[in-house]
Every structure is written in structure tokens, then in C-alpha cells.
Amino acid sequence: MAKKPPTEKATENRIRVRQVTDVQASWTEAERGAPGDFTIQLILDNGAEEYVLHPVASDAKVMLKLFERSGTVFFDLDRKVLVPNNVSLG
């Protein structure tokens, strides 16, 4: 008996590297005069999935520059790795 082809939903669930199609950066005050918290929300594949990063300030600055200078950015959901493509150094 032949195997049935996977459903579209099952196929989507197996995709673990997605394109970052939008980024929302936020800063939240923890308490008056104390350092705040950064979050970077990644919208993946036009809303198919979302992931929120909690970087320290120095990492947030570098990450935002990578988003700005990259043609395309991917995010590996299993390894939690940002993969920028075509990074402009100028």
C-alpha cells in the first residue's frame, strides 16, 4: 500500500528555518532608574509563525544593524540562529 502524501499543515510544521519578514523592536522599563529589557519580535514567513528574542542591549544593537544591512534574514527555530543573507558592509 502506498504512503499518503503529507498534509499541508504537517509539511508546514516540519519547516524549521523560516524567513524573517518583519521585525518589531521594543524596550520596557523594569523599574525607575534601572536598566530596561529589550525584546525583538520576529514575524516569520508573513505571520506563519512568530518568535521573541530577549537580547541584552549590545546584542540588540548588532541585531538591528544586521536586519538593516541584510537583503534577507532567516531564523532557524531549532537552533535559535539568525542567518542574514547578502550583508552590506558599507
N, C-alpha and C. Protein backbone atom coordinates (compact mmCIF):
# COMPACT_ATOMS: atom_id res chain seq x y z
N MET A 1 0.84 -1.18 0.00
CA MET A 1 0.00 0.00 0.00
C MET A 1 0.89 1.25 0.00
N ALA A 2 0.59 2.21 -0.87
CA ALA A 2 1.39 3.43 -1.00
C ALA A 2 1.12 4.38 0.17
N LYS A 3 2.18 5.10 0.55
CA LYS A 3 2.04 6.11 1.61
C LYS A 3 1.23 7.29 1.10
N LYS A 4 0.44 7.86 1.98
CA LYS A 4 -0.30 9.06 1.63
C LYS A 4 0.64 10.26 1.71
N PRO A 5 0.48 11.22 0.80
CA PRO A 5 1.34 12.43 0.88
C PRO A 5 1.00 13.20 2.15
N PRO A 6 2.01 13.87 2.75
CA PRO A 6 1.74 14.63 3.98
C PRO A 6 0.78 15.79 3.70
N THR A 7 0.00 16.11 4.70
CA THR A 7 -0.91 17.25 4.56
C THR A 7 -0.10 18.54 4.55
N GLU A 8 -0.72 19.59 4.07
CA GLU A 8 -0.03 20.89 4.02
C GLU A 8 0.39 21.33 5.42
N LYS A 9 -0.48 21.12 6.41
CA LYS A 9 -0.17 21.52 7.79
C LYS A 9 1.03 20.72 8.32
N ALA A 10 1.07 19.43 8.06
CA ALA A 10 2.19 18.62 8.51
C ALA A 10 3.48 19.09 7.86
N THR A 11 3.42 19.47 6.59
CA THR A 11 4.59 19.99 5.89
C THR A 11 5.05 21.28 6.52
N GLU A 12 4.12 22.20 6.82
CA GLU A 12 4.47 23.46 7.47
C GLU A 12 5.14 23.23 8.80
N ASN A 13 4.66 22.27 9.58
CA ASN A 13 5.22 22.01 10.90
C ASN A 13 6.64 21.47 10.82
N ARG A 14 7.02 20.85 9.70
CA ARG A 14 8.37 20.33 9.56
C ARG A 14 9.36 21.40 9.11
N ILE A 15 8.88 22.51 8.59
CA ILE A 15 9.76 23.60 8.17
C ILE A 15 10.28 24.28 9.42
N ARG A 16 11.57 24.22 9.62
CA ARG A 16 12.15 24.77 10.84
C ARG A 16 13.01 26.00 10.59
N VAL A 17 13.31 26.33 9.34
CA VAL A 17 14.03 27.56 9.00
C VAL A 17 13.04 28.43 8.23
N ARG A 18 12.79 29.62 8.77
CA ARG A 18 11.79 30.49 8.16
C ARG A 18 12.42 31.85 7.87
N GLN A 19 11.86 32.54 6.88
CA GLN A 19 12.32 33.88 6.54
C GLN A 19 11.72 34.89 7.51
N VAL A 20 12.55 35.80 7.98
CA VAL A 20 12.08 36.90 8.82
C VAL A 20 11.48 37.94 7.87
N THR A 21 10.17 38.15 7.96
CA THR A 21 9.50 39.08 7.06
C THR A 21 9.16 40.40 7.73
N ASP A 22 9.26 40.47 9.05
CA ASP A 22 9.05 41.73 9.76
C ASP A 22 9.72 41.62 11.13
N VAL A 23 10.12 42.77 11.67
CA VAL A 23 10.80 42.83 12.96
C VAL A 23 10.18 43.96 13.78
N GLN A 24 9.88 43.68 15.04
CA GLN A 24 9.37 44.70 15.95
C GLN A 24 10.27 44.74 17.17
N ALA A 25 10.99 45.84 17.34
CA ALA A 25 11.87 46.00 18.49
C ALA A 25 11.17 46.83 19.56
N SER A 26 11.34 46.42 20.81
CA SER A 26 10.71 47.14 21.93
C SER A 26 11.68 47.23 23.10
N TRP A 27 11.47 48.24 23.92
CA TRP A 27 12.21 48.39 25.17
C TRP A 27 11.19 48.63 26.26
N THR A 28 11.35 47.95 27.39
CA THR A 28 10.43 48.08 28.51
C THR A 28 11.19 48.48 29.76
N GLU A 29 10.68 49.48 30.44
CA GLU A 29 11.28 49.90 31.71
C GLU A 29 11.00 48.85 32.77
N ALA A 30 12.05 48.38 33.44
CA ALA A 30 11.87 47.39 34.50
C ALA A 30 11.41 48.09 35.78
N GLU A 31 12.18 49.04 36.21
CA GLU A 31 11.79 49.91 37.33
C GLU A 31 12.52 51.23 37.18
N ARG A 32 12.00 52.25 37.75
CA ARG A 32 12.53 53.61 37.60
C ARG A 32 14.02 53.65 37.89
N GLY A 33 14.82 54.11 36.90
CA GLY A 33 16.26 54.25 37.07
C GLY A 33 17.06 52.98 36.86
N ALA A 34 16.41 51.86 36.66
CA ALA A 34 17.11 50.58 36.45
C ALA A 34 17.19 50.30 34.95
N PRO A 35 18.12 49.45 34.55
CA PRO A 35 18.19 49.07 33.14
C PRO A 35 16.87 48.42 32.69
N GLY A 36 16.51 48.65 31.45
CA GLY A 36 15.28 48.08 30.91
C GLY A 36 15.54 46.77 30.20
N ASP A 37 14.50 46.25 29.59
CA ASP A 37 14.58 44.98 28.87
C ASP A 37 14.24 45.21 27.40
N PHE A 38 15.08 44.65 26.51
CA PHE A 38 14.81 44.71 25.08
C PHE A 38 14.13 43.43 24.64
N THR A 39 13.21 43.54 23.71
CA THR A 39 12.66 42.38 23.03
C THR A 39 12.66 42.68 21.54
N ILE A 40 12.91 41.66 20.76
CA ILE A 40 12.82 41.76 19.31
C ILE A 40 11.89 40.64 18.85
N GLN A 41 10.74 41.05 18.33
CA GLN A 41 9.76 40.08 17.85
C GLN A 41 10.01 39.83 16.37
N LEU A 42 10.20 38.58 16.02
CA LEU A 42 10.41 38.19 14.63
C LEU A 42 9.09 37.67 14.07
N ILE A 43 8.64 38.26 12.98
CA ILE A 43 7.49 37.74 12.25
C ILE A 43 8.08 36.88 11.14
N LEU A 44 7.73 35.62 11.12
CA LEU A 44 8.34 34.67 10.20
C LEU A 44 7.36 34.26 9.12
N ASP A 45 7.84 34.26 7.88
CA ASP A 45 7.03 33.86 6.72
C ASP A 45 5.66 34.53 6.73
N ASN A 46 5.67 35.87 6.82
CA ASN A 46 4.45 36.68 6.76
C ASN A 46 3.39 36.27 7.77
N GLY A 47 3.83 35.91 8.97
CA GLY A 47 2.88 35.59 10.04
C GLY A 47 2.61 34.12 10.26
N ALA A 48 3.27 33.25 9.52
CA ALA A 48 3.08 31.81 9.72
C ALA A 48 3.52 31.40 11.12
N GLU A 49 4.50 32.15 11.66
CA GLU A 49 5.00 31.88 13.00
C GLU A 49 5.65 33.15 13.52
N GLU A 50 5.77 33.24 14.84
CA GLU A 50 6.44 34.37 15.48
C GLU A 50 7.41 33.82 16.52
N TYR A 51 8.45 34.61 16.79
CA TYR A 51 9.41 34.24 17.82
C TYR A 51 9.91 35.52 18.47
N VAL A 52 10.04 35.51 19.79
CA VAL A 52 10.50 36.71 20.51
C VAL A 52 11.88 36.44 21.10
N LEU A 53 12.82 37.33 20.78
CA LEU A 53 14.17 37.29 21.32
C LEU A 53 14.27 38.28 22.47
N HIS A 54 15.12 37.98 23.46
CA HIS A 54 15.33 38.86 24.61
C HIS A 54 16.82 39.19 24.73
N PRO A 55 17.35 39.99 23.80
CA PRO A 55 18.79 40.27 23.81
C PRO A 55 19.17 41.34 24.85
N VAL A 56 20.44 41.30 25.24
CA VAL A 56 20.99 42.41 26.03
C VAL A 56 21.18 43.58 25.08
N ALA A 57 21.37 44.78 25.62
CA ALA A 57 21.42 46.00 24.80
C ALA A 57 22.46 45.94 23.69
N SER A 58 23.66 45.46 24.00
CA SER A 58 24.72 45.43 22.97
C SER A 58 24.36 44.44 21.85
N ASP A 59 23.75 43.32 22.17
CA ASP A 59 23.33 42.38 21.14
C ASP A 59 22.17 42.93 20.33
N ALA A 60 21.25 43.62 20.98
CA ALA A 60 20.10 44.21 20.26
C ALA A 60 20.59 45.19 19.20
N LYS A 61 21.59 46.00 19.56
CA LYS A 61 22.14 46.98 18.62
C LYS A 61 22.72 46.28 17.39
N VAL A 62 23.49 45.23 17.60
CA VAL A 62 24.10 44.48 16.50
C VAL A 62 23.02 43.80 15.66
N MET A 63 22.05 43.20 16.31
CA MET A 63 20.98 42.50 15.59
C MET A 63 20.20 43.46 14.70
N LEU A 64 19.87 44.64 15.22
CA LEU A 64 19.12 45.60 14.42
C LEU A 64 19.93 46.08 13.22
N LYS A 65 21.24 46.23 13.38
CA LYS A 65 22.11 46.59 12.25
C LYS A 65 22.12 45.47 11.20
N LEU A 66 22.16 44.21 11.67
CA LEU A 66 22.12 43.10 10.72
C LEU A 66 20.83 43.10 9.92
N PHE A 67 19.70 43.34 10.58
CA PHE A 67 18.43 43.40 9.87
C PHE A 67 18.44 44.53 8.84
N GLU A 68 19.00 45.66 9.23
CA GLU A 68 19.03 46.84 8.36
C GLU A 68 19.93 46.61 7.14
N ARG A 69 21.04 45.91 7.33
CA ARG A 69 22.04 45.78 6.27
C ARG A 69 21.94 44.48 5.47
N SER A 70 20.98 43.63 5.79
CA SER A 70 20.86 42.35 5.11
C SER A 70 19.76 42.39 4.07
N GLY A 71 19.99 41.69 2.97
CA GLY A 71 18.95 41.57 1.97
C GLY A 71 17.80 40.73 2.49
N THR A 72 18.13 39.61 3.09
CA THR A 72 17.15 38.68 3.63
C THR A 72 17.73 38.09 4.91
N VAL A 73 16.86 37.83 5.89
CA VAL A 73 17.29 37.18 7.11
C VAL A 73 16.39 35.97 7.34
N PHE A 74 17.01 34.86 7.71
CA PHE A 74 16.28 33.65 8.06
C PHE A 74 16.48 33.38 9.54
N PHE A 75 15.57 32.61 10.13
CA PHE A 75 15.71 32.22 11.53
C PHE A 75 15.50 30.72 11.64
N ASP A 76 16.48 30.04 12.21
CA ASP A 76 16.42 28.59 12.44
C ASP A 76 15.76 28.37 13.79
N LEU A 77 14.54 27.88 13.78
CA LEU A 77 13.77 27.70 15.01
C LEU A 77 14.34 26.63 15.92
N ASP A 78 14.96 25.60 15.36
CA ASP A 78 15.53 24.53 16.20
C ASP A 78 16.80 24.97 16.90
N ARG A 79 17.69 25.62 16.17
CA ARG A 79 18.98 26.02 16.74
C ARG A 79 18.98 27.44 17.30
N LYS A 80 17.89 28.21 17.07
CA LYS A 80 17.76 29.60 17.53
C LYS A 80 18.89 30.46 16.96
N VAL A 81 19.04 30.40 15.62
CA VAL A 81 20.12 31.10 14.93
C VAL A 81 19.53 32.05 13.89
N LEU A 82 19.97 33.31 13.93
CA LEU A 82 19.66 34.27 12.86
C LEU A 82 20.66 34.06 11.74
N VAL A 83 20.16 34.01 10.50
CA VAL A 83 21.02 33.77 9.35
C VAL A 83 20.81 34.91 8.36
N PRO A 84 21.62 35.99 8.44
CA PRO A 84 21.49 37.08 7.48
C PRO A 84 22.11 36.71 6.14
N ASN A 85 21.55 37.25 5.08
CA ASN A 85 22.00 36.95 3.72
C ASN A 85 22.32 38.28 3.04
N ASN A 86 23.39 38.29 2.24
CA ASN A 86 23.78 39.49 1.48
C ASN A 86 23.98 40.71 2.38
N VAL A 87 24.82 40.58 3.38
CA VAL A 87 25.08 41.68 4.32
C VAL A 87 25.92 42.75 3.65
N SER A 88 25.41 43.99 3.68
CA SER A 88 26.13 45.13 3.15
C SER A 88 27.06 45.68 4.23
N LEU A 89 28.33 45.80 3.94
CA LEU A 89 29.28 46.29 4.93
C LEU A 89 29.48 47.79 4.88
N GLY A 90 28.86 48.44 3.96
CA GLY A 90 29.06 49.87 3.79
C GLY A 90 28.00 50.64 4.34
